[in-house]
PDB file of N, CA and C in Angstrom:
ATOM      1  N   UNK A   1       1.156 -16.258  -9.455  1.00  0.00           N
ATOM      2  CA  UNK A   1       2.332 -15.410  -9.475  1.00  0.00           C
ATOM      3  C   UNK A   1       3.484 -16.109  -8.743  1.00  0.00           C
ATOM      4  N   UNK A   2       4.683 -15.972  -9.280  1.00  0.00           N
ATOM      5  CA  UNK A   2       5.868 -16.543  -8.640  1.00  0.00           C
ATOM      6  C   UNK A   2       6.179 -15.790  -7.355  1.00  0.00           C
ATOM      7  N   UNK A   3       6.864 -16.491  -6.440  1.00  0.00           N
ATOM      8  CA  UNK A   3       7.306 -15.830  -5.214  1.00  0.00           C
ATOM      9  C   UNK A   3       8.421 -14.856  -5.566  1.00  0.00           C
ATOM     10  N   UNK A   4       8.253 -13.622  -5.152  1.00  0.00           N
ATOM     11  CA  UNK A   4       9.229 -12.580  -5.466  1.00  0.00           C
ATOM     12  C   UNK A   4      10.238 -12.427  -4.336  1.00  0.00           C
ATOM     13  N   UNK A   5      11.471 -12.092  -4.720  1.00  0.00           N
ATOM     14  CA  UNK A   5      12.514 -11.865  -3.723  1.00  0.00           C
ATOM     15  C   UNK A   5      12.647 -10.389  -3.368  1.00  0.00           C
ATOM     16  N   UNK A   6      12.105  -9.515  -4.222  1.00  0.00           N
ATOM     17  CA  UNK A   6      12.122  -8.079  -3.957  1.00  0.00           C
ATOM     18  C   UNK A   6      10.932  -7.428  -4.653  1.00  0.00           C
ATOM     19  N   UNK A   7      10.726  -6.154  -4.416  1.00  0.00           N
ATOM     20  CA  UNK A   7       9.544  -5.472  -4.944  1.00  0.00           C
ATOM     21  C   UNK A   7       9.607  -5.348  -6.464  1.00  0.00           C
ATOM     22  N   UNK A   8      10.790  -5.130  -7.017  1.00  0.00           N
ATOM     23  CA  UNK A   8      10.910  -5.100  -8.480  1.00  0.00           C
ATOM     24  C   UNK A   8      10.403  -6.406  -9.085  1.00  0.00           C
ATOM     25  N   UNK A   9      10.821  -7.526  -8.525  1.00  0.00           N
ATOM     26  CA  UNK A   9      10.393  -8.833  -9.028  1.00  0.00           C
ATOM     27  C   UNK A   9       8.893  -9.030  -8.828  1.00  0.00           C
ATOM     28  N   UNK A  10       8.357  -8.568  -7.711  1.00  0.00           N
ATOM     29  CA  UNK A  10       6.923  -8.683  -7.453  1.00  0.00           C
ATOM     30  C   UNK A  10       6.138  -7.982  -8.563  1.00  0.00           C
ATOM     31  N   UNK A  11       6.554  -6.780  -8.905  1.00  0.00           N
ATOM     32  CA  UNK A  11       5.855  -6.015  -9.946  1.00  0.00           C
ATOM     33  C   UNK A  11       6.050  -6.667 -11.308  1.00  0.00           C
ATOM     34  N   UNK A  12       7.267  -7.071 -11.620  1.00  0.00           N
ATOM     35  CA  UNK A  12       7.560  -7.701 -12.905  1.00  0.00           C
ATOM     36  C   UNK A  12       6.807  -9.021 -13.080  1.00  0.00           C
ATOM     37  N   UNK A  13       6.613  -9.754 -11.998  1.00  0.00           N
ATOM     38  CA  UNK A  13       5.895 -11.030 -12.058  1.00  0.00           C
ATOM     39  C   UNK A  13       4.376 -10.853 -12.127  1.00  0.00           C
ATOM     40  N   UNK A  14       3.890  -9.641 -11.915  1.00  0.00           N
ATOM     41  CA  UNK A  14       2.459  -9.353 -11.960  1.00  0.00           C
ATOM     42  C   UNK A  14       2.011  -9.224 -13.417  1.00  0.00           C
ATOM     43  N   UNK A  15       0.726  -9.411 -13.677  1.00  0.00           N
ATOM     44  CA  UNK A  15       0.229  -9.226 -15.047  1.00  0.00           C
ATOM     45  C   UNK A  15       0.583  -7.835 -15.573  1.00  0.00           C
ATOM     46  N   UNK A  16       1.037  -7.782 -16.820  1.00  0.00           N
ATOM     47  CA  UNK A  16       1.515  -6.532 -17.419  1.00  0.00           C
ATOM     48  C   UNK A  16       0.513  -5.388 -17.295  1.00  0.00           C
ATOM     49  N   UNK A  17      -0.770  -5.686 -17.450  1.00  0.00           N
ATOM     50  CA  UNK A  17      -1.755  -4.600 -17.450  1.00  0.00           C
ATOM     51  C   UNK A  17      -1.921  -3.932 -16.086  1.00  0.00           C
ATOM     52  N   UNK A  18      -1.374  -4.549 -15.017  1.00  0.00           N
ATOM     53  CA  UNK A  18      -1.479  -3.959 -13.685  1.00  0.00           C
ATOM     54  C   UNK A  18      -0.142  -3.444 -13.154  1.00  0.00           C
ATOM     55  N   UNK A  19       0.928  -3.677 -13.878  1.00  0.00           N
ATOM     56  CA  UNK A  19       2.243  -3.256 -13.407  1.00  0.00           C
ATOM     57  C   UNK A  19       2.345  -1.746 -13.224  1.00  0.00           C
ATOM     58  N   UNK A  20       1.715  -0.987 -14.094  1.00  0.00           N
ATOM     59  CA  UNK A  20       1.746   0.482 -13.973  1.00  0.00           C
ATOM     60  C   UNK A  20       1.111   0.949 -12.678  1.00  0.00           C
ATOM     61  N   UNK A  21      -0.030   0.358 -12.320  1.00  0.00           N
ATOM     62  CA  UNK A  21      -0.698   0.723 -11.063  1.00  0.00           C
ATOM     63  C   UNK A  21       0.187   0.380  -9.869  1.00  0.00           C
ATOM     64  N   UNK A  22       0.818  -0.781  -9.912  1.00  0.00           N
ATOM     65  CA  UNK A  22       1.690  -1.185  -8.804  1.00  0.00           C
ATOM     66  C   UNK A  22       2.885  -0.246  -8.688  1.00  0.00           C
ATOM     67  N   UNK A  23       3.426   0.177  -9.825  1.00  0.00           N
ATOM     68  CA  UNK A  23       4.545   1.131  -9.793  1.00  0.00           C
ATOM     69  C   UNK A  23       4.091   2.476  -9.225  1.00  0.00           C
ATOM     70  N   UNK A  24       2.891   2.920  -9.592  1.00  0.00           N
ATOM     71  CA  UNK A  24       2.359   4.176  -9.057  1.00  0.00           C
ATOM     72  C   UNK A  24       2.187   4.100  -7.543  1.00  0.00           C
ATOM     73  N   UNK A  25       1.644   2.990  -7.083  1.00  0.00           N
ATOM     74  CA  UNK A  25       1.440   2.806  -5.642  1.00  0.00           C
ATOM     75  C   UNK A  25       2.772   2.794  -4.913  1.00  0.00           C
ATOM     76  N   UNK A  26       3.713   2.049  -5.460  1.00  0.00           N
ATOM     77  CA  UNK A  26       5.053   1.988  -4.863  1.00  0.00           C
ATOM     78  C   UNK A  26       5.675   3.382  -4.798  1.00  0.00           C
ATOM     79  N   UNK A  27       5.589   4.135  -5.884  1.00  0.00           N
ATOM     80  CA  UNK A  27       6.172   5.479  -5.934  1.00  0.00           C
ATOM     81  C   UNK A  27       5.513   6.408  -4.910  1.00  0.00           C
ATOM     82  N   UNK A  28       4.204   6.288  -4.754  1.00  0.00           N
ATOM     83  CA  UNK A  28       3.493   7.127  -3.776  1.00  0.00           C
ATOM     84  C   UNK A  28       3.961   6.822  -2.355  1.00  0.00           C
ATOM     85  N   UNK A  29       4.126   5.548  -2.049  1.00  0.00           N
ATOM     86  CA  UNK A  29       4.586   5.157  -0.711  1.00  0.00           C
ATOM     87  C   UNK A  29       6.013   5.650  -0.484  1.00  0.00           C
ATOM     88  N   UNK A  30       6.887   5.406  -1.465  1.00  0.00           N
ATOM     89  CA  UNK A  30       8.292   5.798  -1.311  1.00  0.00           C
ATOM     90  C   UNK A  30       8.464   7.314  -1.237  1.00  0.00           C
ATOM     91  N   UNK A  31       7.647   8.060  -1.982  1.00  0.00           N
ATOM     92  CA  UNK A  31       7.744   9.527  -1.938  1.00  0.00           C
ATOM     93  C   UNK A  31       7.268  10.064  -0.592  1.00  0.00           C
ATOM     94  N   UNK A  32       6.271   9.406  -0.012  1.00  0.00           N
ATOM     95  CA  UNK A  32       5.722   9.850   1.266  1.00  0.00           C
ATOM     96  C   UNK A  32       6.599   9.433   2.434  1.00  0.00           C
ATOM     97  N   UNK A  33       7.247   8.296   2.299  1.00  0.00           N
ATOM     98  CA  UNK A  33       8.105   7.772   3.377  1.00  0.00           C
ATOM     99  C   UNK A  33       9.462   7.377   2.784  1.00  0.00           C
ATOM    100  N   UNK A  34      10.266   8.358   2.376  1.00  0.00           N
ATOM    101  CA  UNK A  34      11.534   8.050   1.707  1.00  0.00           C
ATOM    102  C   UNK A  34      12.537   7.272   2.561  1.00  0.00           C
ATOM    103  N   UNK A  35      12.389   7.323   3.883  1.00  0.00           N
ATOM    104  CA  UNK A  35      13.307   6.585   4.756  1.00  0.00           C
ATOM    105  C   UNK A  35      12.840   5.162   5.034  1.00  0.00           C
ATOM    106  N   UNK A  36      11.701   4.791   4.495  1.00  0.00           N
ATOM    107  CA  UNK A  36      11.143   3.459   4.767  1.00  0.00           C
ATOM    108  C   UNK A  36      11.978   2.362   4.119  1.00  0.00           C
ATOM    109  N   UNK A  37      12.098   1.275   4.840  1.00  0.00           N
ATOM    110  CA  UNK A  37      12.751   0.065   4.330  1.00  0.00           C
ATOM    111  C   UNK A  37      11.744  -0.630   3.421  1.00  0.00           C
ATOM    112  N   UNK A  38      12.220  -1.108   2.279  1.00  0.00           N
ATOM    113  CA  UNK A  38      11.357  -1.808   1.334  1.00  0.00           C
ATOM    114  C   UNK A  38      11.845  -3.253   1.200  1.00  0.00           C
ATOM    115  N   UNK A  39      10.924  -4.190   1.343  1.00  0.00           N
ATOM    116  CA  UNK A  39      11.275  -5.599   1.174  1.00  0.00           C
ATOM    117  C   UNK A  39      10.003  -6.396   0.913  1.00  0.00           C
ATOM    118  N   UNK A  40      10.157  -7.689   0.742  1.00  0.00           N
ATOM    119  CA  UNK A  40       9.017  -8.594   0.621  1.00  0.00           C
ATOM    120  C   UNK A  40       8.802  -9.247   1.982  1.00  0.00           C
ATOM    121  N   UNK A  41       7.586  -9.212   2.463  1.00  0.00           N
ATOM    122  CA  UNK A  41       7.216  -9.848   3.723  1.00  0.00           C
ATOM    123  C   UNK A  41       5.846 -10.482   3.530  1.00  0.00           C
ATOM    124  N   UNK A  42       5.690 -11.701   3.985  1.00  0.00           N
ATOM    125  CA  UNK A  42       4.437 -12.439   3.782  1.00  0.00           C
ATOM    126  C   UNK A  42       4.061 -12.503   2.301  1.00  0.00           C
ATOM    127  N   UNK A  43       5.054 -12.506   1.419  1.00  0.00           N
ATOM    128  CA  UNK A  43       4.825 -12.628  -0.014  1.00  0.00           C
ATOM    129  C   UNK A  43       4.369 -11.353  -0.704  1.00  0.00           C
ATOM    130  N   UNK A  44       4.412 -10.234   0.002  1.00  0.00           N
ATOM    131  CA  UNK A  44       3.969  -8.981  -0.609  1.00  0.00           C
ATOM    132  C   UNK A  44       4.926  -7.841  -0.269  1.00  0.00           C
ATOM    133  N   UNK A  45       4.888  -6.759  -1.060  1.00  0.00           N
ATOM    134  CA  UNK A  45       5.729  -5.610  -0.763  1.00  0.00           C
ATOM    135  C   UNK A  45       5.401  -5.026   0.614  1.00  0.00           C
ATOM    136  N   UNK A  46       6.461  -4.758   1.359  1.00  0.00           N
ATOM    137  CA  UNK A  46       6.358  -4.258   2.729  1.00  0.00           C
ATOM    138  C   UNK A  46       7.210  -3.011   2.851  1.00  0.00           C
ATOM    139  N   UNK A  47       6.699  -2.045   3.625  1.00  0.00           N
ATOM    140  CA  UNK A  47       7.442  -0.827   3.921  1.00  0.00           C
ATOM    141  C   UNK A  47       7.442  -0.631   5.423  1.00  0.00           C
ATOM    142  N   UNK A  48       8.631  -0.488   5.966  1.00  0.00           N
ATOM    143  CA  UNK A  48       8.772  -0.307   7.399  1.00  0.00           C
ATOM    144  C   UNK A  48       9.561   0.947   7.707  1.00  0.00           C
ATOM    145  N   UNK A  49       9.071   1.681   8.673  1.00  0.00           N
ATOM    146  CA  UNK A  49       9.757   2.872   9.154  1.00  0.00           C
ATOM    147  C   UNK A  49       9.370   3.038  10.615  1.00  0.00           C
ATOM    148  N   UNK A  50      10.317   2.779  11.497  1.00  0.00           N
ATOM    149  CA  UNK A  50      10.051   2.816  12.939  1.00  0.00           C
ATOM    150  C   UNK A  50       8.865   1.904  13.283  1.00  0.00           C
ATOM    151  N   UNK A  51       8.823   0.797  12.629  1.00  0.00           N
ATOM    152  CA  UNK A  51       7.737  -0.161  12.786  1.00  0.00           C
ATOM    153  C   UNK A  51       7.039  -0.373  11.453  1.00  0.00           C
ATOM    154  N   UNK A  52       5.958  -1.141  11.475  1.00  0.00           N
ATOM    155  CA  UNK A  52       5.208  -1.411  10.249  1.00  0.00           C
ATOM    156  C   UNK A  52       4.589  -0.134   9.713  1.00  0.00           C
ATOM    157  N   UNK A  53       4.728   0.031   8.409  1.00  0.00           N
ATOM    158  CA  UNK A  53       4.149   1.197   7.758  1.00  0.00           C
ATOM    159  C   UNK A  53       3.021   0.765   6.821  1.00  0.00           C
ATOM    160  N   UNK A  54       3.345  -0.044   5.809  1.00  0.00           N
ATOM    161  CA  UNK A  54       2.328  -0.460   4.841  1.00  0.00           C
ATOM    162  C   UNK A  54       2.776  -1.708   4.089  1.00  0.00           C
ATOM    163  N   UNK A  55       1.791  -2.441   3.606  1.00  0.00           N
ATOM    164  CA  UNK A  55       1.978  -3.558   2.693  1.00  0.00           C
ATOM    165  C   UNK A  55       1.008  -3.315   1.530  1.00  0.00           C
ATOM    166  N   UNK A  56       1.294  -3.919   0.366  1.00  0.00           N
ATOM    167  CA  UNK A  56       0.269  -3.952  -0.666  1.00  0.00           C
ATOM    168  C   UNK A  56       0.336  -5.282  -1.396  1.00  0.00           C
ATOM    169  N   UNK A  57      -0.804  -5.622  -2.014  1.00  0.00           N
ATOM    170  CA  UNK A  57      -0.885  -6.897  -2.722  1.00  0.00           C
ATOM    171  C   UNK A  57      -1.859  -6.759  -3.889  1.00  0.00           C
ATOM    172  N   UNK A  58      -1.510  -7.397  -4.989  1.00  0.00           N
ATOM    173  CA  UNK A  58      -2.398  -7.459  -6.140  1.00  0.00           C
ATOM    174  C   UNK A  58      -3.278  -8.683  -5.984  1.00  0.00           C
ATOM    175  N   UNK A  59      -4.578  -8.467  -6.003  1.00  0.00           N
ATOM    176  CA  UNK A  59      -5.541  -9.556  -5.936  1.00  0.00           C
ATOM    177  C   UNK A  59      -6.294  -9.618  -7.267  1.00  0.00           C
ATOM    178  N   UNK A  60      -7.212 -10.548  -7.360  1.00  0.00           N
ATOM    179  CA  UNK A  60      -7.940 -10.754  -8.612  1.00  0.00           C
ATOM    180  C   UNK A  60      -8.698  -9.511  -9.076  1.00  0.00           C
ATOM    181  N   UNK A  61      -9.356  -8.814  -8.155  1.00  0.00           N
ATOM    182  CA  UNK A  61     -10.202  -7.681  -8.516  1.00  0.00           C
ATOM    183  C   UNK A  61      -9.783  -6.343  -7.915  1.00  0.00           C
ATOM    184  N   UNK A  62      -8.730  -6.348  -7.129  1.00  0.00           N
ATOM    185  CA  UNK A  62      -8.330  -5.111  -6.454  1.00  0.00           C
ATOM    186  C   UNK A  62      -6.860  -5.143  -6.069  1.00  0.00           C
ATOM    187  N   UNK A  63      -6.393  -3.982  -5.653  1.00  0.00           N
ATOM    188  CA  UNK A  63      -5.084  -3.875  -4.998  1.00  0.00           C
ATOM    189  C   UNK A  63      -5.395  -3.584  -3.542  1.00  0.00           C
ATOM    190  N   UNK A  64      -4.895  -4.422  -2.665  1.00  0.00           N
ATOM    191  CA  UNK A  64      -5.106  -4.229  -1.238  1.00  0.00           C
ATOM    192  C   UNK A  64      -3.954  -3.449  -0.636  1.00  0.00           C
ATOM    193  N   UNK A  65      -4.285  -2.455   0.147  1.00  0.00           N
ATOM    194  CA  UNK A  65      -3.290  -1.679   0.886  1.00  0.00           C
ATOM    195  C   UNK A  65      -3.548  -1.934   2.356  1.00  0.00           C
ATOM    196  N   UNK A  66      -2.519  -2.395   3.051  1.00  0.00           N
ATOM    197  CA  UNK A  66      -2.634  -2.743   4.466  1.00  0.00           C
ATOM    198  C   UNK A  66      -1.851  -1.743   5.289  1.00  0.00           C
ATOM    199  N   UNK A  67      -2.550  -1.048   6.174  1.00  0.00           N
ATOM    200  CA  UNK A  67      -1.936  -0.070   7.064  1.00  0.00           C
ATOM    201  C   UNK A  67      -2.495  -0.322   8.460  1.00  0.00           C
ATOM    202  N   UNK A  68      -1.611  -0.449   9.437  1.00  0.00           N
ATOM    203  CA  UNK A  68      -2.031  -0.757  10.807  1.00  0.00           C
ATOM    204  C   UNK A  68      -3.000   0.282  11.356  1.00  0.00           C
ATOM    205  N   UNK A  69      -3.913  -0.168  12.224  1.00  0.00           N
ATOM    206  CA  UNK A  69      -4.869   0.749  12.868  1.00  0.00           C
ATOM    207  C   UNK A  69      -4.130   1.824  13.657  1.00  0.00           C
ATOM    208  N   UNK A  70      -4.730   2.956  13.816  1.00  0.00           N
ATOM    209  CA  UNK A  70      -6.116   3.342  13.550  1.00  0.00           C
ATOM    210  C   UNK A  70      -6.298   4.123  12.252  1.00  0.00           C
ATOM    211  N   UNK A  71      -5.355   4.058  11.319  1.00  0.00           N
ATOM    212  CA  UNK A  71      -5.358   4.919  10.131  1.00  0.00           C
ATOM    213  C   UNK A  71      -6.639   4.782   9.303  1.00  0.00           C
ATOM    214  N   UNK A  72      -7.075   3.574   9.024  1.00  0.00           N
ATOM    215  CA  UNK A  72      -8.275   3.390   8.199  1.00  0.00           C
ATOM    216  C   UNK A  72      -9.486   4.033   8.881  1.00  0.00           C
ATOM    217  N   UNK A  73      -9.648   3.786  10.170  1.00  0.00           N
ATOM    218  CA  UNK A  73     -10.776   4.359  10.910  1.00  0.00           C
ATOM    219  C   UNK A  73     -10.730   5.886  10.918  1.00  0.00           C
ATOM    220  N   UNK A  74      -9.534   6.445  11.036  1.00  0.00           N
ATOM    221  CA  UNK A  74      -9.386   7.904  11.074  1.00  0.00           C
ATOM    222  C   UNK A  74      -9.705   8.567   9.727  1.00  0.00           C
ATOM    223  N   UNK A  75      -9.645   7.796   8.653  1.00  0.00           N
ATOM    224  CA  UNK A  75      -9.886   8.335   7.308  1.00  0.00           C
ATOM    225  C   UNK A  75     -11.150   7.743   6.683  1.00  0.00           C
ATOM    226  N   UNK A  76     -12.061   7.288   7.528  1.00  0.00           N
ATOM    227  CA  UNK A  76     -13.275   6.606   7.070  1.00  0.00           C
ATOM    228  C   UNK A  76     -14.064   7.439   6.047  1.00  0.00           C
ATOM    229  N   UNK A  77     -14.207   8.736   6.293  1.00  0.00           N
ATOM    230  CA  UNK A  77     -14.964   9.586   5.364  1.00  0.00           C
ATOM    231  C   UNK A  77     -14.308   9.626   3.985  1.00  0.00           C
ATOM    232  N   UNK A  78     -12.996   9.773   3.960  1.00  0.00           N
ATOM    233  CA  UNK A  78     -12.272   9.820   2.686  1.00  0.00           C
ATOM    234  C   UNK A  78     -12.313   8.476   1.962  1.00  0.00           C
ATOM    235  N   UNK A  79     -12.458   7.405   2.712  1.00  0.00           N
ATOM    236  CA  UNK A  79     -12.443   6.050   2.143  1.00  0.00           C
ATOM    237  C   UNK A  79     -13.838   5.558   1.764  1.00  0.00           C
ATOM    238  N   UNK A  80     -14.841   6.415   1.943  1.00  0.00           N
ATOM    239  CA  UNK A  80     -16.200   6.038   1.569  1.00  0.00           C
ATOM    240  C   UNK A  80     -16.197   5.657   0.082  1.00  0.00           C
ATOM    241  N   UNK A  81     -16.819   4.562  -0.238  1.00  0.00           N
ATOM    242  CA  UNK A  81     -16.828   4.096  -1.621  1.00  0.00           C
ATOM    243  C   UNK A  81     -15.801   3.006  -1.889  1.00  0.00           C
ATOM    244  N   UNK A  82     -14.918   2.781  -0.931  1.00  0.00           N
ATOM    245  CA  UNK A  82     -13.939   1.690  -1.036  1.00  0.00           C
ATOM    246  C   UNK A  82     -14.268   0.646   0.018  1.00  0.00           C
ATOM    247  N   UNK A  83     -13.996  -0.590  -0.294  1.00  0.00           N
ATOM    248  CA  UNK A  83     -14.174  -1.652   0.696  1.00  0.00           C
ATOM    249  C   UNK A  83     -13.009  -1.567   1.680  1.00  0.00           C
ATOM    250  N   UNK A  84     -13.355  -1.523   2.978  1.00  0.00           N
ATOM    251  CA  UNK A  84     -12.316  -1.405   4.004  1.00  0.00           C
ATOM    252  C   UNK A  84     -12.543  -2.421   5.109  1.00  0.00           C
ATOM    253  N   UNK A  85     -11.505  -2.641   5.873  1.00  0.00           N
ATOM    254  CA  UNK A  85     -11.543  -3.426   7.109  1.00  0.00           C
ATOM    255  C   UNK A  85     -10.660  -2.671   8.092  1.00  0.00           C
ATOM    256  N   UNK A  86     -10.421  -3.230   9.245  1.00  0.00           N
ATOM    257  CA  UNK A  86      -9.660  -2.551  10.297  1.00  0.00           C
ATOM    258  C   UNK A  86      -8.319  -2.002   9.806  1.00  0.00           C
ATOM    259  N   UNK A  87      -7.605  -2.789   9.004  1.00  0.00           N
ATOM    260  CA  UNK A  87      -6.275  -2.376   8.567  1.00  0.00           C
ATOM    261  C   UNK A  87      -6.105  -2.470   7.051  1.00  0.00           C
ATOM    262  N   UNK A  88      -7.226  -2.490   6.310  1.00  0.00           N
ATOM    263  CA  UNK A  88      -7.151  -2.726   4.875  1.00  0.00           C
ATOM    264  C   UNK A  88      -8.092  -1.827   4.100  1.00  0.00           C
ATOM    265  N   UNK A  89      -7.639  -1.424   2.933  1.00  0.00           N
ATOM    266  CA  UNK A  89      -8.512  -0.773   1.967  1.00  0.00           C
ATOM    267  C   UNK A  89      -8.267  -1.444   0.611  1.00  0.00           C
ATOM    268  N   UNK A  90      -9.353  -1.659  -0.127  1.00  0.00           N
ATOM    269  CA  UNK A  90      -9.263  -2.298  -1.441  1.00  0.00           C
ATOM    270  C   UNK A  90      -9.540  -1.268  -2.523  1.00  0.00           C
ATOM    271  N   UNK A  91      -8.597  -1.154  -3.462  1.00  0.00           N
ATOM    272  CA  UNK A  91      -8.745  -0.259  -4.594  1.00  0.00           C
ATOM    273  C   UNK A  91      -9.063  -1.106  -5.826  1.00  0.00           C
ATOM    274  N   UNK A  92     -10.271  -0.943  -6.400  1.00  0.00           N
ATOM    275  CA  UNK A  92     -10.659  -1.753  -7.555  1.00  0.00           C
ATOM    276  C   UNK A  92      -9.692  -1.577  -8.729  1.00  0.00           C
ATOM    277  N   UNK A  93      -9.403  -2.670  -9.424  1.00  0.00           N
ATOM    278  CA  UNK A  93      -8.456  -2.626 -10.533  1.00  0.00           C
ATOM    279  C   UNK A  93      -8.972  -1.796 -11.703  1.00  0.00           C
ATOM    280  N   UNK A  94     -10.271  -1.680 -11.840  1.00  0.00           N
ATOM    281  CA  UNK A  94     -10.846  -0.947 -12.963  1.00  0.00           C
ATOM    282  C   UNK A  94     -10.886   0.556 -12.780  1.00  0.00           C
ATOM    283  N   UNK A  95     -10.442   1.039 -11.639  1.00  0.00           N
ATOM    284  CA  UNK A  95     -10.460   2.477 -11.362  1.00  0.00           C
ATOM    285  C   UNK A  95      -9.048   2.998 -11.145  1.00  0.00           C
ATOM    286  N   UNK A  96      -8.886   4.297 -11.362  1.00  0.00           N
ATOM    287  CA  UNK A  96      -7.605   4.957 -11.132  1.00  0.00           C
ATOM    288  C   UNK A  96      -7.295   4.943  -9.630  1.00  0.00           C
ATOM    289  N   UNK A  97      -6.031   4.741  -9.283  1.00  0.00           N
ATOM    290  CA  UNK A  97      -5.634   4.781  -7.876  1.00  0.00           C
ATOM    291  C   UNK A  97      -5.755   6.201  -7.329  1.00  0.00           C
ATOM    292  N   UNK A  98      -6.320   6.364  -6.133  1.00  0.00           N
ATOM    293  CA  UNK A  98      -6.400   7.694  -5.505  1.00  0.00           C
ATOM    294  C   UNK A  98      -5.075   8.013  -4.814  1.00  0.00           C
ATOM    295  N   UNK A  99      -4.093   8.426  -5.589  1.00  0.00           N
ATOM    296  CA  UNK A  99      -2.730   8.574  -5.074  1.00  0.00           C
ATOM    297  C   UNK A  99      -2.625   9.604  -3.948  1.00  0.00           C
ATOM    298  N   UNK A 100      -3.378  10.673  -4.027  1.00  0.00           N
ATOM    299  CA  UNK A 100      -3.363  11.665  -2.944  1.00  0.00           C
ATOM    300  C   UNK A 100      -3.860  11.068  -1.644  1.00  0.00           C
ATOM    301  N   UNK A 101      -4.919  10.302  -1.715  1.00  0.00           N
ATOM    302  CA  UNK A 101      -5.463   9.620  -0.536  1.00  0.00           C
ATOM    303  C   UNK A 101      -4.468   8.602   0.008  1.00  0.00           C
ATOM    304  N   UNK A 102      -3.843   7.863  -0.877  1.00  0.00           N
ATOM    305  CA  UNK A 102      -2.848   6.872  -0.448  1.00  0.00           C
ATOM    306  C   UNK A 102      -1.703   7.563   0.286  1.00  0.00           C
ATOM    307  N   UNK A 103      -1.250   8.679  -0.257  1.00  0.00           N
ATOM    308  CA  UNK A 103      -0.171   9.421   0.412  1.00  0.00           C
ATOM    309  C   UNK A 103      -0.608   9.907   1.798  1.00  0.00           C
ATOM    310  N   UNK A 104      -1.851  10.351   1.918  1.00  0.00           N
ATOM    311  CA  UNK A 104      -2.346  10.804   3.227  1.00  0.00           C
ATOM    312  C   UNK A 104      -2.400   9.649   4.224  1.00  0.00           C
ATOM    313  N   UNK A 105      -2.804   8.482   3.779  1.00  0.00           N
ATOM    314  CA  UNK A 105      -2.857   7.312   4.663  1.00  0.00           C
ATOM    315  C   UNK A 105      -1.462   6.938   5.151  1.00  0.00           C
ATOM    316  N   UNK A 106      -0.512   6.897   4.227  1.00  0.00           N
ATOM    317  CA  UNK A 106       0.870   6.542   4.582  1.00  0.00           C
ATOM    318  C   UNK A 106       1.456   7.611   5.505  1.00  0.00           C
ATOM    319  N   UNK A 107       1.198   8.874   5.195  1.00  0.00           N
ATOM    320  CA  UNK A 107       1.714   9.974   6.028  1.00  0.00           C
ATOM    321  C   UNK A 107       1.170   9.871   7.453  1.00  0.00           C
ATOM    322  N   UNK A 108      -0.103   9.512   7.573  1.00  0.00           N
ATOM    323  CA  UNK A 108      -0.703   9.356   8.903  1.00  0.00           C
ATOM    324  C   UNK A 108      -0.004   8.246   9.680  1.00  0.00           C
ATOM    325  N   UNK A 109       0.324   7.146   9.005  1.00  0.00           N
ATOM    326  CA  UNK A 109       1.013   6.031   9.683  1.00  0.00           C
ATOM    327  C   UNK A 109       2.441   6.421  10.052  1.00  0.00           C
ATOM    328  N   UNK A 110       3.109   7.172   9.184  1.00  0.00           N
ATOM    329  CA  UNK A 110       4.461   7.659   9.485  1.00  0.00           C
ATOM    330  C   UNK A 110       4.415   8.494  10.767  1.00  0.00           C
ATOM    331  N   UNK A 111       3.439   9.374  10.846  1.00  0.00           N
ATOM    332  CA  UNK A 111       3.309  10.269  12.019  1.00  0.00           C
ATOM    333  C   UNK A 111       3.093   9.455  13.292  1.00  0.00           C
ATOM    334  N   UNK A 112       2.247   8.423  13.213  1.00  0.00           N
ATOM    335  CA  UNK A 112       2.012   7.556  14.380  1.00  0.00           C
ATOM    336  C   UNK A 112       3.301   6.845  14.780  1.00  0.00           C
ATOM    337  N   UNK A 113       4.005   6.285  13.791  1.00  0.00           N
ATOM    338  CA  UNK A 113       5.246   5.561  14.081  1.00  0.00           C
ATOM    339  C   UNK A 113       6.307   6.474  14.664  1.00  0.00           C
ATOM    340  N   UNK A 114       6.378   7.705  14.198  1.00  0.00           N
ATOM    341  CA  UNK A 114       7.381   8.645  14.714  1.00  0.00           C
ATOM    342  C   UNK A 114       7.050   9.076  16.141  1.00  0.00           C
ATOM    343  N   UNK A 115       5.795   9.027  16.513  1.00  0.00           N
ATOM    344  CA  UNK A 115       5.408   9.475  17.855  1.00  0.00           C
ATOM    345  C   UNK A 115       5.639   8.397  18.921  1.00  0.00           C
ATOM    346  N   UNK A 116       5.971   7.193  18.508  1.00  0.00           N
ATOM    347  CA  UNK A 116       6.208   6.102  19.460  1.00  0.00           C
ATOM    348  C   UNK A 116       7.510   6.283  20.192  1.00  0.00           C
TER     349      UNK A 116
END
């Protein structure tokens, strides 16, 4: 994939069959955090609101969503069935995105950032 200068370019440069999923993910993040700044950071879409909020990236077999701790740990039960790490959850490309869950994760990070 080419290096993107903005999120529109990142999605457009992605394989066509995954662009819809990336647009859905982007829309879920923006709807949950409408005041978040959107840009490319570390080669991937980044959302910042009173600090780091979320990043996402298209990989070979999944879409990775990166949210700073402790959000993933706090939602461990809801994330059962997904591969996770301290600040990452992987959504398989062959499955529908759990948009409600994604919104809850982003909302939790917004709440943490606002409390700082």
